[in-house]
Amino acid sequence: MEHHYKNDGPEPEKPEDDLSHFTDEISDWDEEYIKVDQGTLFELILASNYLNIKKLRTVGCKTVANVLRKLSVEEIREKYNIENDFTPEEEEAIRKENEWCEDQDASK
């Protein structure tokens, strides 16, 4: 945490329409540092949020997002013990409603 605490200075001014911070890229140093078990990763995110270490919190959240991006809905439910409380009909309706956002990477 010390690395990010010391290097967590003010962010440079960016135009409102700048979306450069919405990237899934993680530096090599951060990628190596954040190679921890899931429980430790969530503790790091919570601690960095509490201590207001924005860069570390961002790295932790990006890491979780990158993991989730690779999993199916069923795998996410299993990994995080999330109960499926939708009926098959409700689930199908939701899938149809959100078809537009499925498999975006497959078209690239």
N, C-alpha and C. Protein backbone atom coordinates (compact mmCIF):
# COMPACT_ATOMS: atom_id res chain seq x y z
N MET A 1 0.82 -1.19 0.00
CA MET A 1 0.00 0.00 0.00
C MET A 1 0.86 1.25 0.00
N GLU A 2 2.01 1.16 0.58
CA GLU A 2 2.87 2.32 0.70
C GLU A 2 3.21 2.90 -0.67
N HIS A 3 3.45 2.02 -1.66
CA HIS A 3 3.76 2.47 -3.02
C HIS A 3 2.67 3.40 -3.55
N HIS A 4 1.43 3.00 -3.38
CA HIS A 4 0.32 3.81 -3.89
C HIS A 4 0.02 5.00 -2.98
N TYR A 5 0.24 4.83 -1.71
CA TYR A 5 -0.01 5.94 -0.78
C TYR A 5 0.93 7.10 -1.10
N LYS A 6 2.21 6.78 -1.33
CA LYS A 6 3.19 7.82 -1.62
C LYS A 6 2.99 8.40 -3.02
N ASN A 7 2.44 7.61 -3.92
CA ASN A 7 2.29 8.04 -5.31
C ASN A 7 0.84 8.38 -5.66
N ASP A 8 0.03 8.68 -4.67
CA ASP A 8 -1.38 8.96 -4.91
C ASP A 8 -1.64 10.46 -4.82
N GLY A 9 -0.87 11.21 -5.59
CA GLY A 9 -1.04 12.66 -5.59
C GLY A 9 -2.29 13.07 -6.34
N PRO A 10 -2.50 14.35 -6.44
CA PRO A 10 -3.69 14.83 -7.13
C PRO A 10 -3.67 14.43 -8.60
N GLU A 11 -4.82 14.08 -9.11
CA GLU A 11 -4.95 13.72 -10.52
C GLU A 11 -4.84 14.98 -11.37
N PRO A 12 -4.17 14.87 -12.52
CA PRO A 12 -4.10 16.04 -13.40
C PRO A 12 -5.49 16.36 -13.95
N GLU A 13 -5.71 17.63 -14.24
CA GLU A 13 -7.00 18.06 -14.78
C GLU A 13 -7.22 17.42 -16.14
N LYS A 14 -8.42 16.88 -16.35
CA LYS A 14 -8.78 16.26 -17.62
C LYS A 14 -10.12 16.81 -18.05
N PRO A 15 -10.34 16.89 -19.36
CA PRO A 15 -11.65 17.33 -19.83
C PRO A 15 -12.73 16.36 -19.38
N GLU A 16 -13.94 16.84 -19.25
CA GLU A 16 -15.04 16.01 -18.77
C GLU A 16 -15.28 14.80 -19.65
N ASP A 17 -15.03 14.92 -20.96
CA ASP A 17 -15.31 13.81 -21.87
C ASP A 17 -14.13 12.84 -22.00
N ASP A 18 -13.09 13.02 -21.21
CA ASP A 18 -11.93 12.12 -21.23
C ASP A 18 -12.27 10.83 -20.51
N LEU A 19 -12.24 9.72 -21.24
CA LEU A 19 -12.57 8.42 -20.66
C LEU A 19 -11.34 7.54 -20.51
N SER A 20 -10.15 8.13 -20.52
CA SER A 20 -8.92 7.34 -20.48
C SER A 20 -8.78 6.53 -19.20
N HIS A 21 -9.41 6.96 -18.12
CA HIS A 21 -9.30 6.20 -16.87
C HIS A 21 -10.20 4.97 -16.88
N PHE A 22 -11.07 4.83 -17.88
CA PHE A 22 -11.92 3.66 -18.00
C PHE A 22 -11.25 2.61 -18.86
N THR A 23 -10.12 2.16 -18.44
CA THR A 23 -9.37 1.14 -19.15
C THR A 23 -9.15 -0.03 -18.22
N ASP A 24 -8.94 -1.20 -18.78
CA ASP A 24 -8.69 -2.37 -17.94
C ASP A 24 -7.20 -2.65 -17.79
N GLU A 25 -6.36 -1.75 -18.29
CA GLU A 25 -4.92 -1.94 -18.22
C GLU A 25 -4.41 -1.72 -16.80
N ILE A 26 -3.48 -2.59 -16.41
CA ILE A 26 -2.86 -2.53 -15.09
C ILE A 26 -1.36 -2.61 -15.30
N SER A 27 -0.61 -1.75 -14.63
CA SER A 27 0.85 -1.75 -14.81
C SER A 27 1.44 -3.08 -14.34
N ASP A 28 2.63 -3.39 -14.84
CA ASP A 28 3.29 -4.65 -14.46
C ASP A 28 3.52 -4.71 -12.95
N TRP A 29 3.93 -3.58 -12.36
CA TRP A 29 4.17 -3.55 -10.92
C TRP A 29 2.89 -3.87 -10.16
N ASP A 30 1.80 -3.20 -10.55
CA ASP A 30 0.52 -3.42 -9.88
C ASP A 30 0.02 -4.85 -10.08
N GLU A 31 0.19 -5.36 -11.29
CA GLU A 31 -0.27 -6.72 -11.58
C GLU A 31 0.44 -7.74 -10.68
N GLU A 32 1.73 -7.53 -10.47
CA GLU A 32 2.49 -8.44 -9.61
C GLU A 32 2.07 -8.26 -8.15
N TYR A 33 1.88 -7.02 -7.72
CA TYR A 33 1.52 -6.72 -6.33
C TYR A 33 0.15 -7.28 -5.98
N ILE A 34 -0.76 -7.24 -6.93
CA ILE A 34 -2.15 -7.59 -6.66
C ILE A 34 -2.42 -9.09 -6.82
N LYS A 35 -1.38 -9.87 -7.11
CA LYS A 35 -1.54 -11.33 -7.22
C LYS A 35 -1.70 -11.92 -5.82
N VAL A 36 -2.92 -11.87 -5.32
CA VAL A 36 -3.24 -12.37 -3.99
C VAL A 36 -4.54 -13.16 -4.08
N ASP A 37 -4.87 -13.87 -3.02
CA ASP A 37 -6.12 -14.61 -3.03
C ASP A 37 -7.30 -13.63 -2.99
N GLN A 38 -8.47 -14.15 -3.30
CA GLN A 38 -9.66 -13.32 -3.41
C GLN A 38 -9.98 -12.56 -2.13
N GLY A 39 -9.87 -13.20 -0.99
CA GLY A 39 -10.16 -12.54 0.28
C GLY A 39 -9.23 -11.37 0.54
N THR A 40 -7.94 -11.57 0.27
CA THR A 40 -6.96 -10.50 0.46
C THR A 40 -7.22 -9.35 -0.51
N LEU A 41 -7.59 -9.70 -1.74
CA LEU A 41 -7.88 -8.67 -2.74
C LEU A 41 -9.04 -7.78 -2.27
N PHE A 42 -10.10 -8.39 -1.77
CA PHE A 42 -11.23 -7.59 -1.29
C PHE A 42 -10.86 -6.77 -0.06
N GLU A 43 -10.01 -7.32 0.80
CA GLU A 43 -9.53 -6.55 1.96
C GLU A 43 -8.70 -5.35 1.51
N LEU A 44 -7.86 -5.54 0.47
CA LEU A 44 -7.07 -4.42 -0.07
C LEU A 44 -7.97 -3.32 -0.62
N ILE A 45 -9.02 -3.74 -1.32
CA ILE A 45 -9.95 -2.75 -1.88
C ILE A 45 -10.64 -1.99 -0.75
N LEU A 46 -11.10 -2.70 0.26
CA LEU A 46 -11.76 -2.04 1.39
C LEU A 46 -10.80 -1.11 2.13
N ALA A 47 -9.58 -1.59 2.38
CA ALA A 47 -8.60 -0.77 3.10
C ALA A 47 -8.22 0.46 2.29
N SER A 48 -8.01 0.29 0.99
CA SER A 48 -7.63 1.44 0.16
C SER A 48 -8.77 2.45 0.07
N ASN A 49 -10.00 1.96 0.10
CA ASN A 49 -11.14 2.88 0.11
C ASN A 49 -11.18 3.64 1.44
N TYR A 50 -11.03 2.93 2.55
CA TYR A 50 -11.07 3.54 3.88
C TYR A 50 -9.94 4.57 4.03
N LEU A 51 -8.74 4.22 3.52
CA LEU A 51 -7.58 5.11 3.65
C LEU A 51 -7.49 6.13 2.52
N ASN A 52 -8.47 6.09 1.61
CA ASN A 52 -8.55 7.02 0.49
C ASN A 52 -7.31 6.96 -0.41
N ILE A 53 -6.88 5.74 -0.72
CA ILE A 53 -5.77 5.52 -1.64
C ILE A 53 -6.40 5.13 -2.98
N LYS A 54 -6.74 6.14 -3.76
CA LYS A 54 -7.56 5.95 -4.96
C LYS A 54 -6.92 5.04 -6.00
N LYS A 55 -5.63 5.20 -6.24
CA LYS A 55 -4.98 4.39 -7.27
C LYS A 55 -4.99 2.91 -6.91
N LEU A 56 -4.76 2.58 -5.65
CA LEU A 56 -4.79 1.18 -5.23
C LEU A 56 -6.21 0.63 -5.32
N ARG A 57 -7.18 1.42 -4.92
CA ARG A 57 -8.58 0.99 -5.02
C ARG A 57 -8.94 0.73 -6.48
N THR A 58 -8.50 1.60 -7.38
CA THR A 58 -8.77 1.43 -8.80
C THR A 58 -8.13 0.16 -9.34
N VAL A 59 -6.88 -0.09 -8.97
CA VAL A 59 -6.19 -1.31 -9.41
C VAL A 59 -6.94 -2.55 -8.91
N GLY A 60 -7.35 -2.53 -7.66
CA GLY A 60 -8.09 -3.66 -7.11
C GLY A 60 -9.41 -3.89 -7.83
N CYS A 61 -10.13 -2.83 -8.09
CA CYS A 61 -11.42 -2.94 -8.78
C CYS A 61 -11.24 -3.38 -10.23
N LYS A 62 -10.20 -2.89 -10.89
CA LYS A 62 -9.92 -3.33 -12.26
C LYS A 62 -9.58 -4.81 -12.29
N THR A 63 -8.86 -5.27 -11.28
CA THR A 63 -8.50 -6.69 -11.20
C THR A 63 -9.75 -7.54 -11.07
N VAL A 64 -10.65 -7.14 -10.19
CA VAL A 64 -11.91 -7.88 -10.03
C VAL A 64 -12.71 -7.84 -11.33
N ALA A 65 -12.79 -6.68 -11.96
CA ALA A 65 -13.53 -6.55 -13.22
C ALA A 65 -12.95 -7.45 -14.30
N ASN A 66 -11.63 -7.53 -14.38
CA ASN A 66 -10.99 -8.38 -15.38
C ASN A 66 -11.30 -9.86 -15.13
N VAL A 67 -11.38 -10.26 -13.87
CA VAL A 67 -11.74 -11.64 -13.53
C VAL A 67 -13.19 -11.89 -13.94
N LEU A 68 -14.09 -10.99 -13.56
CA LEU A 68 -15.51 -11.16 -13.85
C LEU A 68 -15.78 -11.19 -15.35
N ARG A 69 -15.05 -10.40 -16.09
CA ARG A 69 -15.24 -10.33 -17.54
C ARG A 69 -15.05 -11.69 -18.20
N LYS A 70 -14.22 -12.53 -17.63
CA LYS A 70 -13.89 -13.83 -18.21
C LYS A 70 -14.87 -14.94 -17.80
N LEU A 71 -15.77 -14.65 -16.87
CA LEU A 71 -16.66 -15.67 -16.33
C LEU A 71 -18.07 -15.54 -16.89
N SER A 72 -18.75 -16.68 -16.97
CA SER A 72 -20.17 -16.66 -17.33
C SER A 72 -20.98 -16.27 -16.09
N VAL A 73 -22.25 -16.00 -16.30
CA VAL A 73 -23.14 -15.65 -15.19
C VAL A 73 -23.15 -16.79 -14.17
N GLU A 74 -23.25 -18.01 -14.66
CA GLU A 74 -23.29 -19.17 -13.76
C GLU A 74 -22.00 -19.30 -12.96
N GLU A 75 -20.85 -19.07 -13.62
CA GLU A 75 -19.57 -19.15 -12.93
C GLU A 75 -19.44 -18.07 -11.86
N ILE A 76 -19.94 -16.88 -12.14
CA ILE A 76 -19.91 -15.79 -11.16
C ILE A 76 -20.76 -16.16 -9.95
N ARG A 77 -21.96 -16.70 -10.21
CA ARG A 77 -22.83 -17.10 -9.11
C ARG A 77 -22.15 -18.15 -8.23
N GLU A 78 -21.50 -19.10 -8.88
CA GLU A 78 -20.83 -20.17 -8.12
C GLU A 78 -19.64 -19.62 -7.33
N LYS A 79 -18.81 -18.80 -7.97
CA LYS A 79 -17.59 -18.28 -7.33
C LYS A 79 -17.91 -17.40 -6.12
N TYR A 80 -19.00 -16.60 -6.23
CA TYR A 80 -19.32 -15.66 -5.16
C TYR A 80 -20.54 -16.06 -4.34
N ASN A 81 -20.95 -17.32 -4.49
CA ASN A 81 -22.09 -17.86 -3.73
C ASN A 81 -23.33 -16.98 -3.85
N ILE A 82 -23.69 -16.65 -5.08
CA ILE A 82 -24.87 -15.83 -5.35
C ILE A 82 -26.01 -16.75 -5.76
N GLU A 83 -27.09 -16.70 -5.02
CA GLU A 83 -28.24 -17.54 -5.31
C GLU A 83 -29.00 -16.98 -6.52
N ASN A 84 -29.38 -17.87 -7.43
CA ASN A 84 -30.18 -17.46 -8.58
C ASN A 84 -31.64 -17.45 -8.16
N ASP A 85 -32.21 -16.28 -7.98
CA ASP A 85 -33.59 -16.19 -7.54
C ASP A 85 -34.54 -15.83 -8.68
N PHE A 86 -34.09 -15.98 -9.93
CA PHE A 86 -34.94 -15.75 -11.09
C PHE A 86 -35.55 -17.06 -11.54
N THR A 87 -36.78 -16.98 -12.02
CA THR A 87 -37.37 -18.16 -12.66
C THR A 87 -36.72 -18.29 -14.03
N PRO A 88 -36.78 -19.46 -14.65
CA PRO A 88 -36.20 -19.60 -16.00
C PRO A 88 -36.81 -18.60 -16.99
N GLU A 89 -38.09 -18.30 -16.84
CA GLU A 89 -38.74 -17.34 -17.74
C GLU A 89 -38.18 -15.93 -17.54
N GLU A 90 -38.00 -15.54 -16.27
CA GLU A 90 -37.45 -14.21 -15.98
C GLU A 90 -36.02 -14.10 -16.50
N GLU A 91 -35.25 -15.16 -16.31
CA GLU A 91 -33.86 -15.15 -16.75
C GLU A 91 -33.78 -15.02 -18.28
N GLU A 92 -34.64 -15.74 -18.99
CA GLU A 92 -34.67 -15.67 -20.45
C GLU A 92 -35.05 -14.27 -20.92
N ALA A 93 -36.03 -13.65 -20.25
CA ALA A 93 -36.46 -12.30 -20.61
C ALA A 93 -35.31 -11.30 -20.41
N ILE A 94 -34.58 -11.46 -19.33
CA ILE A 94 -33.44 -10.57 -19.05
C ILE A 94 -32.35 -10.76 -20.10
N ARG A 95 -32.07 -12.02 -20.46
CA ARG A 95 -31.06 -12.28 -21.48
C ARG A 95 -31.44 -11.64 -22.82
N LYS A 96 -32.71 -11.76 -23.21
CA LYS A 96 -33.16 -11.16 -24.47
C LYS A 96 -33.06 -9.64 -24.41
N GLU A 97 -33.43 -9.08 -23.28
CA GLU A 97 -33.39 -7.64 -23.09
C GLU A 97 -31.97 -7.09 -23.20
N ASN A 98 -30.99 -7.91 -22.80
CA ASN A 98 -29.60 -7.46 -22.76
C ASN A 98 -28.73 -8.14 -23.80
N GLU A 99 -29.32 -8.67 -24.85
CA GLU A 99 -28.55 -9.32 -25.90
C GLU A 99 -27.50 -8.41 -26.51
N TRP A 100 -27.82 -7.14 -26.60
CA TRP A 100 -26.93 -6.18 -27.25
C TRP A 100 -25.56 -6.09 -26.58
N CYS A 101 -25.48 -6.41 -25.29
CA CYS A 101 -24.18 -6.27 -24.60
C CYS A 101 -23.45 -7.59 -24.46
N GLU A 102 -24.01 -8.69 -24.93
CA GLU A 102 -23.35 -9.98 -24.85
C GLU A 102 -22.32 -10.14 -25.96
N ASP A 103 -21.23 -10.80 -25.64
CA ASP A 103 -20.21 -11.16 -26.62
C ASP A 103 -19.69 -9.99 -27.43
N GLN A 104 -19.47 -8.85 -26.80
CA GLN A 104 -18.91 -7.70 -27.49
C GLN A 104 -17.50 -7.98 -27.97
N ASP A 105 -16.73 -8.73 -27.19
CA ASP A 105 -15.35 -9.02 -27.56
C ASP A 105 -15.26 -10.00 -28.72
N ALA A 106 -16.31 -10.82 -28.93
CA ALA A 106 -16.29 -11.80 -30.01
C ALA A 106 -16.28 -11.14 -31.37
N SER A 107 -16.81 -9.94 -31.48
CA SER A 107 -16.86 -9.24 -32.76
C SER A 107 -15.54 -8.56 -33.11
N LYS A 108 -14.60 -8.51 -32.19
CA LYS A 108 -13.32 -7.82 -32.42
C LYS A 108 -12.31 -8.74 -33.05
